[in-house]
Amino acid sequence: MFRDLVGRSPDCQHKFTLDLHSIVTQTRKHDEQMILSAADDDAIITPKPLAPSGFVFHESRCGSTLVANALVASNPPSHRVYSESTPPINVLNACKHVGSSHCDENKQVHLFRDVIYMMSRSNDGRENKTFFKIQSAGTKSISVFRKAFPSIPWVFVYRDPVQVMMSHLDAGNGGWQQTGGVRGGGGVPKNANCLRSKKSPTEDMYDLVEKFAGGGRKMKDLTLMEHCALHLASICESAISEQSKSSTGVMINYVDLISILISDVFPNHFKIPLNHIDEQRIKDISTKYSKARTNVKKEEWHEDSDKKRSEGKS
């Protein structure tokens, strides 16, 4: 995960502010000059700009980190993969801080291109592809990404909603708030990610409540569990809407995820050539817990769909 990279980079504690537009303008000019020079004498360009090769959006708790790990495993020397890095999501969420009516989407799209450009430059001659896994909240801004990179392939990873809910409501996520109906009268973890939007619901969430809640119920009438479901529904609805208008987006179900990546998504959608050795590396990485931060050999992954489905019925 990107936060691990930041945590292990001691110089990240020394923060400073620079004008990004000026930096990107000068960087693009420098890269263009280097490309022209290299064309004359066959020199190797370092650093070199890499066009993004694909984006991964997701519902959350659905195997998206496994997709990111598989992208790395498919060709470790050649693939740079950012997993939920901060800069792209900050741009995608920028208009939320100023209000959509005061946000210039064209500037937002241009800024997104600039950020991706800077993050995709490489001084490693072996690297030739760059992929980005975006935070689940970024799914609501796929439209911005599509305007910035209309020809770049993207995927949306999803899972059985009951299984996703059970993962969010796992007791390990923090203290519990009583709501009734969860695991025989339990509650919802205070720190559940699906409740982050409760204080500031988005416009589309209000629309979903009006459409599906019934009985004249309003946002304030929802239980914590219902709000968690609403949050996840709003993410999926955004992805469905964008995919219906896109020729570059593909939906991926968690079921048989690795098999789908190997047989279809990687070779046909992301244009990643795979041989038997590449496929085996992907299969090997899929047996490890994708978010393990200790020795991965000690944290093997186990399929838990049946367990989560059972918990959802209790």
C-alpha atoms as a PDB file:
ATOM      1  CA  MET A   1       0.000   0.000   0.000  1.00  0.00           C
ATOM      2  CA  PHE A   2       1.138   3.565  -0.699  1.00  0.00           C
ATOM      3  CA  ARG A   3       1.047   4.510   2.995  1.00  0.00           C
ATOM      4  CA  ASP A   4       3.668   1.844   3.656  1.00  0.00           C
ATOM      5  CA  LEU A   5       5.961   3.452   1.092  1.00  0.00           C
ATOM      6  CA  VAL A   6       5.472   6.856   2.729  1.00  0.00           C
ATOM      7  CA  GLY A   7       6.030   5.398   6.194  1.00  0.00           C
ATOM      8  CA  ARG A   8       9.361   3.939   5.151  1.00  0.00           C
ATOM      9  CA  SER A   9      10.563   7.124   3.436  1.00  0.00           C
ATOM     10  CA  PRO A  10      12.262   9.257   6.128  1.00  0.00           C
ATOM     11  CA  ASP A  11      12.369  12.407   3.996  1.00  0.00           C
ATOM     12  CA  CYS A  12       8.561  12.511   3.804  1.00  0.00           C
ATOM     13  CA  GLN A  13       8.570  14.213   7.215  1.00  0.00           C
ATOM     14  CA  HIS A  14      10.159  17.292   5.603  1.00  0.00           C
ATOM     15  CA  LYS A  15       7.155  18.822   3.879  1.00  0.00           C
ATOM     16  CA  PHE A  16       7.269  21.853   1.620  1.00  0.00           C
ATOM     17  CA  THR A  17       4.976  23.532  -0.909  1.00  0.00           C
ATOM     18  CA  LEU A  18       5.705  24.127  -4.576  1.00  0.00           C
ATOM     19  CA  ASP A  19       3.647  25.320  -7.544  1.00  0.00           C
ATOM     20  CA  LEU A  20       2.618  22.099  -9.265  1.00  0.00           C
ATOM     21  CA  HIS A  21       1.590  23.744 -12.527  1.00  0.00           C
ATOM     22  CA  SER A  22       5.020  25.333 -12.904  1.00  0.00           C
ATOM     23  CA  ILE A  23       6.798  22.067 -12.058  1.00  0.00           C
ATOM     24  CA  VAL A  24       4.735  19.998 -14.490  1.00  0.00           C
ATOM     25  CA  THR A  25       5.167  22.540 -17.285  1.00  0.00           C
ATOM     26  CA  GLN A  26       8.943  22.516 -16.899  1.00  0.00           C
ATOM     27  CA  THR A  27       9.018  18.717 -16.524  1.00  0.00           C
ATOM     28  CA  ARG A  28       6.997  18.121 -19.694  1.00  0.00           C
ATOM     29  CA  LYS A  29       9.255  20.520 -21.595  1.00  0.00           C
ATOM     30  CA  HIS A  30      12.345  18.728 -20.288  1.00  0.00           C
ATOM     31  CA  ASP A  31      10.942  15.304 -21.211  1.00  0.00           C
ATOM     32  CA  GLU A  32      10.041  16.449 -24.720  1.00  0.00           C
ATOM     33  CA  GLN A  33      13.582  17.756 -25.245  1.00  0.00           C
ATOM     34  CA  MET A  34      15.050  14.490 -23.956  1.00  0.00           C
ATOM     35  CA  ILE A  35      12.877  12.466 -26.331  1.00  0.00           C
ATOM     36  CA  LEU A  36      13.967  14.576 -29.293  1.00  0.00           C
ATOM     37  CA  SER A  37      17.622  14.251 -28.306  1.00  0.00           C
ATOM     38  CA  ALA A  38      17.333  10.504 -27.841  1.00  0.00           C
ATOM     39  CA  ALA A  39      15.815  10.145 -31.302  1.00  0.00           C
ATOM     40  CA  ASP A  40      18.975  11.638 -32.792  1.00  0.00           C
ATOM     41  CA  ASP A  41      21.559   9.425 -31.097  1.00  0.00           C
ATOM     42  CA  ASP A  42      19.550   6.413 -29.851  1.00  0.00           C
ATOM     43  CA  ALA A  43      20.228   7.368 -26.245  1.00  0.00           C
ATOM     44  CA  ILE A  44      18.254   5.871 -23.361  1.00  0.00           C
ATOM     45  CA  ILE A  45      15.835   8.398 -21.869  1.00  0.00           C
ATOM     46  CA  THR A  46      16.148   8.744 -18.091  1.00  0.00           C
ATOM     47  CA  PRO A  47      13.828   9.564 -16.493  1.00  0.00           C
ATOM     48  CA  LYS A  48      11.202   8.638 -19.043  1.00  0.00           C
ATOM     49  CA  PRO A  49       7.466   9.409 -19.039  1.00  0.00           C
ATOM     50  CA  LEU A  50       5.204   6.351 -19.041  1.00  0.00           C
ATOM     51  CA  ALA A  51       1.597   6.627 -20.133  1.00  0.00           C
ATOM     52  CA  PRO A  52      -0.756   5.023 -17.555  1.00  0.00           C
ATOM     53  CA  SER A  53      -1.690   1.493 -18.595  1.00  0.00           C
ATOM     54  CA  GLY A  54      -4.768   0.920 -16.455  1.00  0.00           C
ATOM     55  CA  PHE A  55      -6.806   1.950 -13.424  1.00  0.00           C
ATOM     56  CA  VAL A  56      -8.478  -0.210 -10.791  1.00  0.00           C
ATOM     57  CA  PHE A  57     -11.628   1.084  -9.067  1.00  0.00           C
ATOM     58  CA  HIS A  58     -13.520  -0.976  -6.510  1.00  0.00           C
ATOM     59  CA  GLU A  59     -16.348  -1.318  -4.007  1.00  0.00           C
ATOM     60  CA  SER A  60     -13.929  -1.948  -1.077  1.00  0.00           C
ATOM     61  CA  ARG A  61     -13.283  -5.232   0.742  1.00  0.00           C
ATOM     62  CA  CYS A  62     -13.689  -7.063  -2.561  1.00  0.00           C
ATOM     63  CA  GLY A  63     -10.224  -8.222  -3.635  1.00  0.00           C
ATOM     64  CA  SER A  64      -8.906  -5.034  -5.233  1.00  0.00           C
ATOM     65  CA  THR A  65      -5.591  -5.219  -3.361  1.00  0.00           C
ATOM     66  CA  LEU A  66      -5.201  -8.737  -4.728  1.00  0.00           C
ATOM     67  CA  VAL A  67      -5.663  -7.260  -8.215  1.00  0.00           C
ATOM     68  CA  ALA A  68      -2.914  -4.721  -7.512  1.00  0.00           C
ATOM     69  CA  ASN A  69      -0.588  -7.435  -6.219  1.00  0.00           C
ATOM     70  CA  ALA A  70      -1.353  -9.582  -9.264  1.00  0.00           C
ATOM     71  CA  LEU A  71      -0.460  -6.662 -11.542  1.00  0.00           C
ATOM     72  CA  VAL A  72       2.942  -6.518  -9.875  1.00  0.00           C
ATOM     73  CA  ALA A  73       3.398 -10.291  -9.954  1.00  0.00           C
ATOM     74  CA  SER A  74       2.562 -10.505 -13.656  1.00  0.00           C
ATOM     75  CA  ASN A  75       5.835  -8.723 -14.468  1.00  0.00           C
ATOM     76  CA  PRO A  76       7.683  -7.365 -11.391  1.00  0.00           C
ATOM     77  CA  PRO A  77      10.551  -5.563 -13.194  1.00  0.00           C
ATOM     78  CA  SER A  78       8.314  -3.885 -15.779  1.00  0.00           C
ATOM     79  CA  HIS A  79       5.198  -2.919 -13.826  1.00  0.00           C
ATOM     80  CA  ARG A  80       4.906   0.012 -11.451  1.00  0.00           C
ATOM     81  CA  VAL A  81       1.697  -0.266  -9.424  1.00  0.00           C
ATOM     82  CA  TYR A  82       0.377   2.413  -7.071  1.00  0.00           C
ATOM     83  CA  SER A  83      -2.073   1.022  -4.513  1.00  0.00           C
ATOM     84  CA  GLU A  84      -4.361   3.723  -3.093  1.00  0.00           C
ATOM     85  CA  SER A  85      -1.788   6.498  -3.311  1.00  0.00           C
ATOM     86  CA  THR A  86      -2.809   9.871  -1.884  1.00  0.00           C
ATOM     87  CA  PRO A  87      -2.245  12.373  -4.758  1.00  0.00           C
ATOM     88  CA  PRO A  88      -4.805  10.991  -7.275  1.00  0.00           C
ATOM     89  CA  ILE A  89      -7.639  10.678  -4.741  1.00  0.00           C
ATOM     90  CA  ASN A  90      -6.927  14.167  -3.429  1.00  0.00           C
ATOM     91  CA  VAL A  91      -7.526  15.496  -6.936  1.00  0.00           C
ATOM     92  CA  LEU A  92     -10.629  13.370  -7.482  1.00  0.00           C
ATOM     93  CA  ASN A  93     -12.085  14.588  -4.174  1.00  0.00           C
ATOM     94  CA  ALA A  94     -11.080  18.222  -4.686  1.00  0.00           C
ATOM     95  CA  CYS A  95     -14.529  19.422  -5.720  1.00  0.00           C
ATOM     96  CA  LYS A  96     -16.095  17.953  -2.580  1.00  0.00           C
ATOM     97  CA  HIS A  97     -14.251  20.548  -0.516  1.00  0.00           C
ATOM     98  CA  VAL A  98     -15.424  23.570  -2.501  1.00  0.00           C
ATOM     99  CA  GLY A  99     -18.805  22.308  -3.706  1.00  0.00           C
ATOM    100  CA  SER A 100     -19.599  21.113  -7.225  1.00  0.00           C
ATOM    101  CA  SER A 101     -21.198  24.445  -8.157  1.00  0.00           C
ATOM    102  CA  HIS A 102     -17.894  26.248  -7.497  1.00  0.00           C
ATOM    103  CA  CYS A 103     -15.604  23.633  -9.044  1.00  0.00           C
ATOM    104  CA  ASP A 104     -14.105  23.941 -12.510  1.00  0.00           C
ATOM    105  CA  GLU A 105     -14.129  20.359 -13.759  1.00  0.00           C
ATOM    106  CA  ASN A 106     -11.837  21.194 -16.670  1.00  0.00           C
ATOM    107  CA  LYS A 107      -9.180  22.342 -14.209  1.00  0.00           C
ATOM    108  CA  GLN A 108      -9.760  19.233 -12.136  1.00  0.00           C
ATOM    109  CA  VAL A 109      -9.278  17.009 -15.192  1.00  0.00           C
ATOM    110  CA  HIS A 110      -6.099  18.879 -16.158  1.00  0.00           C
ATOM    111  CA  LEU A 111      -4.764  18.582 -12.603  1.00  0.00           C
ATOM    112  CA  PHE A 112      -5.481  14.846 -12.575  1.00  0.00           C
ATOM    113  CA  ARG A 113      -3.503  14.425 -15.808  1.00  0.00           C
ATOM    114  CA  ASP A 114      -0.602  16.382 -14.325  1.00  0.00           C
ATOM    115  CA  VAL A 115      -0.485  14.316 -11.134  1.00  0.00           C
ATOM    116  CA  ILE A 116      -0.609  11.017 -13.031  1.00  0.00           C
ATOM    117  CA  TYR A 117       2.092  12.265 -15.412  1.00  0.00           C
ATOM    118  CA  MET A 118       4.487  13.096 -12.576  1.00  0.00           C
ATOM    119  CA  MET A 119       3.829   9.791 -10.813  1.00  0.00           C
ATOM    120  CA  SER A 120       4.369   7.814 -14.030  1.00  0.00           C
ATOM    121  CA  ARG A 121       7.882   9.054 -14.788  1.00  0.00           C
ATOM    122  CA  SER A 122      10.547   6.387 -14.319  1.00  0.00           C
ATOM    123  CA  ASN A 123      14.330   6.245 -14.165  1.00  0.00           C
ATOM    124  CA  ASP A 124      14.251   2.444 -14.369  1.00  0.00           C
ATOM    125  CA  GLY A 125      14.824   1.302 -17.929  1.00  0.00           C
ATOM    126  CA  ARG A 126      12.951  -1.942 -17.259  1.00  0.00           C
ATOM    127  CA  GLU A 127       9.659  -0.283 -16.336  1.00  0.00           C
ATOM    128  CA  ASN A 128       7.190   0.084 -19.203  1.00  0.00           C
ATOM    129  CA  LYS A 129       3.731   0.056 -17.600  1.00  0.00           C
ATOM    130  CA  THR A 130       2.112   2.023 -14.773  1.00  0.00           C
ATOM    131  CA  PHE A 131      -1.102   1.049 -12.998  1.00  0.00           C
ATOM    132  CA  PHE A 132      -3.142   2.829 -10.348  1.00  0.00           C
ATOM    133  CA  LYS A 133      -5.489   1.278  -7.818  1.00  0.00           C
ATOM    134  CA  ILE A 134      -7.719   4.102  -6.557  1.00  0.00           C
ATOM    135  CA  GLN A 135      -9.449   4.262  -3.159  1.00  0.00           C
ATOM    136  CA  SER A 136     -13.073   3.066  -3.212  1.00  0.00           C
ATOM    137  CA  ALA A 137     -14.364   6.629  -2.768  1.00  0.00           C
ATOM    138  CA  GLY A 138     -12.668   7.524  -6.053  1.00  0.00           C
ATOM    139  CA  THR A 139     -15.209   5.366  -7.894  1.00  0.00           C
ATOM    140  CA  LYS A 140     -17.617   8.280  -7.626  1.00  0.00           C
ATOM    141  CA  SER A 141     -15.212  10.330  -9.734  1.00  0.00           C
ATOM    142  CA  ILE A 142     -14.647   7.879 -12.584  1.00  0.00           C
ATOM    143  CA  SER A 143     -16.110  10.565 -14.872  1.00  0.00           C
ATOM    144  CA  VAL A 144     -13.141  12.835 -14.117  1.00  0.00           C
ATOM    145  CA  PHE A 145     -10.695  10.018 -14.834  1.00  0.00           C
ATOM    146  CA  ARG A 146     -12.471   9.147 -18.093  1.00  0.00           C
ATOM    147  CA  LYS A 147     -12.291  12.740 -19.308  1.00  0.00           C
ATOM    148  CA  ALA A 148      -8.604  12.865 -18.440  1.00  0.00           C
ATOM    149  CA  PHE A 149      -7.782   9.487 -20.015  1.00  0.00           C
ATOM    150  CA  PRO A 150     -10.640   8.471 -22.319  1.00  0.00           C
ATOM    151  CA  SER A 151      -8.721   5.632 -23.991  1.00  0.00           C
ATOM    152  CA  ILE A 152      -7.102   4.082 -20.895  1.00  0.00           C
ATOM    153  CA  PRO A 153      -8.703   0.801 -19.719  1.00  0.00           C
ATOM    154  CA  TRP A 154     -10.195   0.571 -16.249  1.00  0.00           C
ATOM    155  CA  VAL A 155     -11.923  -2.051 -14.122  1.00  0.00           C
ATOM    156  CA  PHE A 156     -14.379  -2.014 -11.231  1.00  0.00           C
ATOM    157  CA  VAL A 157     -14.036  -4.855  -8.740  1.00  0.00           C
ATOM    158  CA  TYR A 158     -17.136  -5.851  -6.774  1.00  0.00           C
ATOM    159  CA  ARG A 159     -18.358  -8.627  -4.519  1.00  0.00           C
ATOM    160  CA  ASP A 160     -21.551 -10.104  -3.075  1.00  0.00           C
ATOM    161  CA  PRO A 161     -22.967  -7.164  -1.029  1.00  0.00           C
ATOM    162  CA  VAL A 162     -23.611  -9.297   2.062  1.00  0.00           C
ATOM    163  CA  GLN A 163     -19.949 -10.378   2.122  1.00  0.00           C
ATOM    164  CA  VAL A 164     -18.741  -6.790   1.710  1.00  0.00           C
ATOM    165  CA  MET A 165     -21.045  -5.610   4.509  1.00  0.00           C
ATOM    166  CA  MET A 166     -19.796  -8.320   6.867  1.00  0.00           C
ATOM    167  CA  SER A 167     -16.201  -7.312   6.164  1.00  0.00           C
ATOM    168  CA  HIS A 168     -16.979  -3.675   6.994  1.00  0.00           C
ATOM    169  CA  LEU A 169     -18.854  -4.662  10.145  1.00  0.00           C
ATOM    170  CA  ASP A 170     -16.143  -6.965  11.443  1.00  0.00           C
ATOM    171  CA  ALA A 171     -15.573  -6.439  15.176  1.00  0.00           C
ATOM    172  CA  GLY A 172     -11.879  -5.905  14.568  1.00  0.00           C
ATOM    173  CA  ASN A 173     -12.589  -2.498  13.048  1.00  0.00           C
ATOM    174  CA  GLY A 174     -13.164  -0.739  16.370  1.00  0.00           C
ATOM    175  CA  GLY A 175     -15.662  -0.209  19.181  1.00  0.00           C
ATOM    176  CA  TRP A 176     -19.291  -1.069  18.628  1.00  0.00           C
ATOM    177  CA  GLN A 177     -22.376   1.125  18.420  1.00  0.00           C
ATOM    178  CA  GLN A 178     -25.671  -0.586  19.202  1.00  0.00           C
ATOM    179  CA  THR A 179     -28.035  -0.838  16.260  1.00  0.00           C
ATOM    180  CA  GLY A 180     -29.798  -4.150  16.756  1.00  0.00           C
ATOM    181  CA  GLY A 181     -30.064  -6.853  14.181  1.00  0.00           C
ATOM    182  CA  VAL A 182     -26.332  -7.378  13.722  1.00  0.00           C
ATOM    183  CA  ARG A 183     -25.102 -10.753  14.926  1.00  0.00           C
ATOM    184  CA  GLY A 184     -27.990 -11.253  17.294  1.00  0.00           C
ATOM    185  CA  GLY A 185     -28.370  -7.704  18.602  1.00  0.00           C
ATOM    186  CA  GLY A 186     -24.795  -6.526  18.279  1.00  0.00           C
ATOM    187  CA  GLY A 187     -23.836  -3.339  16.520  1.00  0.00           C
ATOM    188  CA  VAL A 188     -21.701  -1.564  13.971  1.00  0.00           C
ATOM    189  CA  PRO A 189     -18.012  -0.706  14.516  1.00  0.00           C
ATOM    190  CA  LYS A 190     -17.573   3.003  15.201  1.00  0.00           C
ATOM    191  CA  ASN A 191     -14.650   3.134  12.772  1.00  0.00           C
ATOM    192  CA  ALA A 192     -16.280   1.201   9.942  1.00  0.00           C
ATOM    193  CA  ASN A 193     -15.155   2.735   6.646  1.00  0.00           C
ATOM    194  CA  CYS A 194     -18.687   2.611   5.295  1.00  0.00           C
ATOM    195  CA  LEU A 195     -19.769   5.142   7.952  1.00  0.00           C
ATOM    196  CA  ARG A 196     -17.280   7.848   7.010  1.00  0.00           C
ATOM    197  CA  SER A 197     -19.826   9.510   4.730  1.00  0.00           C
ATOM    198  CA  LYS A 198     -22.488   9.654   7.456  1.00  0.00           C
ATOM    199  CA  LYS A 199     -21.546  13.176   8.583  1.00  0.00           C
ATOM    200  CA  SER A 200     -21.537  14.566   5.039  1.00  0.00           C
ATOM    201  CA  PRO A 201     -23.719  12.440   2.726  1.00  0.00           C
ATOM    202  CA  THR A 202     -23.319  13.158  -0.965  1.00  0.00           C
ATOM    203  CA  GLU A 203     -26.140  14.230  -3.249  1.00  0.00           C
ATOM    204  CA  ASP A 204     -26.396  10.827  -4.893  1.00  0.00           C
ATOM    205  CA  MET A 205     -26.869   9.211  -1.490  1.00  0.00           C
ATOM    206  CA  TYR A 206     -29.871  11.442  -0.808  1.00  0.00           C
ATOM    207  CA  ASP A 207     -31.256  10.415  -4.200  1.00  0.00           C
ATOM    208  CA  LEU A 208     -30.887   6.733  -3.327  1.00  0.00           C
ATOM    209  CA  VAL A 209     -32.666   7.200   0.007  1.00  0.00           C
ATOM    210  CA  GLU A 210     -35.561   8.946  -1.705  1.00  0.00           C
ATOM    211  CA  LYS A 211     -35.732   6.186  -4.315  1.00  0.00           C
ATOM    212  CA  PHE A 212     -35.382   3.091  -2.140  1.00  0.00           C
ATOM    213  CA  ALA A 213     -35.929   3.848   1.564  1.00  0.00           C
ATOM    214  CA  GLY A 214     -39.724   3.934   1.325  1.00  0.00           C
ATOM    215  CA  GLY A 215     -42.282   5.131   3.855  1.00  0.00           C
ATOM    216  CA  GLY A 216     -41.136   8.715   3.546  1.00  0.00           C
ATOM    217  CA  ARG A 217     -37.952   7.943   5.481  1.00  0.00           C
ATOM    218  CA  LYS A 218     -35.138  10.470   5.328  1.00  0.00           C
ATOM    219  CA  MET A 219     -31.362  10.222   5.673  1.00  0.00           C
ATOM    220  CA  LYS A 220     -31.569  10.927   9.402  1.00  0.00           C
ATOM    221  CA  ASP A 221     -33.929   7.976   9.869  1.00  0.00           C
ATOM    222  CA  LEU A 222     -31.432   5.364   8.656  1.00  0.00           C
ATOM    223  CA  THR A 223     -29.749   2.994  11.075  1.00  0.00           C
ATOM    224  CA  LEU A 224     -25.976   2.705  11.021  1.00  0.00           C
ATOM    225  CA  MET A 225     -26.203  -0.574   9.151  1.00  0.00           C
ATOM    226  CA  GLU A 226     -28.544   0.966   6.579  1.00  0.00           C
ATOM    227  CA  HIS A 227     -26.164   3.865   6.112  1.00  0.00           C
ATOM    228  CA  CYS A 228     -23.315   1.411   5.534  1.00  0.00           C
ATOM    229  CA  ALA A 229     -25.401  -0.293   2.860  1.00  0.00           C
ATOM    230  CA  LEU A 230     -26.267   3.097   1.356  1.00  0.00           C
ATOM    231  CA  HIS A 231     -22.601   4.063   1.114  1.00  0.00           C
ATOM    232  CA  LEU A 232     -21.719   0.853  -0.719  1.00  0.00           C
ATOM    233  CA  ALA A 233     -24.765   1.167  -2.987  1.00  0.00           C
ATOM    234  CA  SER A 234     -23.761   4.686  -4.001  1.00  0.00           C
ATOM    235  CA  ILE A 235     -20.294   3.448  -5.022  1.00  0.00           C
ATOM    236  CA  CYS A 236     -21.719   0.607  -7.111  1.00  0.00           C
ATOM    237  CA  GLU A 237     -24.351   2.832  -8.716  1.00  0.00           C
ATOM    238  CA  SER A 238     -21.617   5.272  -9.792  1.00  0.00           C
ATOM    239  CA  ALA A 239     -19.578   2.469 -11.358  1.00  0.00           C
ATOM    240  CA  ILE A 240     -22.606   1.025 -13.163  1.00  0.00           C
ATOM    241  CA  SER A 241     -23.524   4.447 -14.541  1.00  0.00           C
ATOM    242  CA  GLU A 242     -20.015   5.126 -15.858  1.00  0.00           C
ATOM    243  CA  GLN A 243     -19.548   1.640 -17.280  1.00  0.00           C
ATOM    244  CA  SER A 244     -22.775   1.971 -19.263  1.00  0.00           C
ATOM    245  CA  LYS A 245     -21.287   5.022 -21.011  1.00  0.00           C
ATOM    246  CA  SER A 246     -17.782   3.641 -21.419  1.00  0.00           C
ATOM    247  CA  SER A 247     -16.114   1.352 -23.931  1.00  0.00           C
ATOM    248  CA  THR A 248     -12.995   1.038 -21.765  1.00  0.00           C
ATOM    249  CA  GLY A 249     -14.471  -0.188 -18.474  1.00  0.00           C
ATOM    250  CA  VAL A 250     -14.918  -3.781 -17.307  1.00  0.00           C
ATOM    251  CA  MET A 251     -16.722  -5.096 -14.221  1.00  0.00           C
ATOM    252  CA  ILE A 252     -14.939  -7.876 -12.297  1.00  0.00           C
ATOM    253  CA  ASN A 253     -16.697 -10.111  -9.788  1.00  0.00           C
ATOM    254  CA  TYR A 254     -14.724 -11.365  -6.793  1.00  0.00           C
ATOM    255  CA  VAL A 255     -15.822 -14.902  -7.617  1.00  0.00           C
ATOM    256  CA  ASP A 256     -13.022 -16.660  -9.536  1.00  0.00           C
ATOM    257  CA  LEU A 257     -11.096 -13.373  -9.498  1.00  0.00           C
ATOM    258  CA  ILE A 258      -7.630 -14.760 -10.256  1.00  0.00           C
ATOM    259  CA  SER A 259      -8.906 -16.987 -13.048  1.00  0.00           C
ATOM    260  CA  ILE A 260     -10.655 -14.008 -14.681  1.00  0.00           C
ATOM    261  CA  LEU A 261      -7.549 -11.832 -14.396  1.00  0.00           C
ATOM    262  CA  ILE A 262      -5.316 -14.455 -15.999  1.00  0.00           C
ATOM    263  CA  SER A 263      -7.664 -15.627 -18.746  1.00  0.00           C
ATOM    264  CA  ASP A 264      -9.218 -12.326 -19.786  1.00  0.00           C
ATOM    265  CA  VAL A 265      -8.624  -9.024 -17.988  1.00  0.00           C
ATOM    266  CA  PHE A 266      -4.824  -8.939 -18.034  1.00  0.00           C
ATOM    267  CA  PRO A 267      -4.153 -10.220 -21.580  1.00  0.00           C
ATOM    268  CA  ASN A 268      -7.206  -8.750 -23.323  1.00  0.00           C
ATOM    269  CA  HIS A 269      -8.124  -5.616 -21.387  1.00  0.00           C
ATOM    270  CA  PHE A 270      -4.846  -4.375 -19.894  1.00  0.00           C
ATOM    271  CA  LYS A 271      -2.804  -5.846 -22.769  1.00  0.00           C
ATOM    272  CA  ILE A 272      -0.392  -7.689 -20.491  1.00  0.00           C
ATOM    273  CA  PRO A 273       1.215 -10.677 -22.245  1.00  0.00           C
ATOM    274  CA  LEU A 274       1.393 -13.676 -19.922  1.00  0.00           C
ATOM    275  CA  ASN A 275       3.351 -16.904 -20.134  1.00  0.00           C
ATOM    276  CA  HIS A 276       3.089 -19.908 -17.821  1.00  0.00           C
ATOM    277  CA  ILE A 277       5.704 -18.490 -15.441  1.00  0.00           C
ATOM    278  CA  ASP A 278       3.850 -15.172 -15.156  1.00  0.00           C
ATOM    279  CA  GLU A 279       0.582 -16.971 -14.508  1.00  0.00           C
ATOM    280  CA  GLN A 280       2.161 -19.077 -11.772  1.00  0.00           C
ATOM    281  CA  ARG A 281       3.530 -15.979 -10.013  1.00  0.00           C
ATOM    282  CA  ILE A 282       0.020 -14.518 -10.017  1.00  0.00           C
ATOM    283  CA  LYS A 283      -1.412 -17.741  -8.603  1.00  0.00           C
ATOM    284  CA  ASP A 284       1.299 -17.835  -5.935  1.00  0.00           C
ATOM    285  CA  ILE A 285       0.622 -14.273  -4.790  1.00  0.00           C
ATOM    286  CA  SER A 286      -3.095 -15.051  -4.577  1.00  0.00           C
ATOM    287  CA  THR A 287      -2.435 -17.566  -1.790  1.00  0.00           C
ATOM    288  CA  LYS A 288      -1.094 -14.828   0.490  1.00  0.00           C
ATOM    289  CA  TYR A 289      -3.138 -12.348   2.494  1.00  0.00           C
ATOM    290  CA  SER A 290      -3.074  -9.338   0.176  1.00  0.00           C
ATOM    291  CA  LYS A 291      -2.765  -6.677   2.889  1.00  0.00           C
ATOM    292  CA  ALA A 292      -0.235  -8.456   5.070  1.00  0.00           C
ATOM    293  CA  ARG A 293       2.414  -6.094   6.470  1.00  0.00           C
ATOM    294  CA  THR A 294       4.513  -8.767   8.149  1.00  0.00           C
ATOM    295  CA  ASN A 295       6.218 -11.748   6.565  1.00  0.00           C
ATOM    296  CA  VAL A 296       3.684 -12.847   3.942  1.00  0.00           C
ATOM    297  CA  LYS A 297       4.756 -16.467   4.385  1.00  0.00           C
ATOM    298  CA  LYS A 298       3.144 -16.355   7.823  1.00  0.00           C
ATOM    299  CA  GLU A 299      -0.133 -14.883   6.626  1.00  0.00           C
ATOM    300  CA  GLU A 300      -1.728 -17.180   4.116  1.00  0.00           C
ATOM    301  CA  TRP A 301      -5.057 -16.135   2.599  1.00  0.00           C
ATOM    302  CA  HIS A 302      -8.160 -18.234   3.088  1.00  0.00           C
ATOM    303  CA  GLU A 303     -11.395 -17.970   1.112  1.00  0.00           C
ATOM    304  CA  ASP A 304     -14.053 -16.525   3.458  1.00  0.00           C
ATOM    305  CA  SER A 305     -17.122 -15.981   1.264  1.00  0.00           C
ATOM    306  CA  ASP A 306     -19.161 -18.736   2.937  1.00  0.00           C
ATOM    307  CA  LYS A 307     -18.210 -17.462   6.390  1.00  0.00           C
ATOM    308  CA  LYS A 308     -19.275 -13.909   5.599  1.00  0.00           C
ATOM    309  CA  ARG A 309     -22.487 -15.091   3.953  1.00  0.00           C
ATOM    310  CA  SER A 310     -23.299 -17.102   7.084  1.00  0.00           C
ATOM    311  CA  GLU A 311     -22.573 -14.116   9.351  1.00  0.00           C
ATOM    312  CA  GLY A 312     -24.919 -12.004   7.268  1.00  0.00           C
ATOM    313  CA  LYS A 313     -27.782 -14.366   8.023  1.00  0.00           C
ATOM    314  CA  SER A 314     -27.186 -14.300  11.788  1.00  0.00           C
END
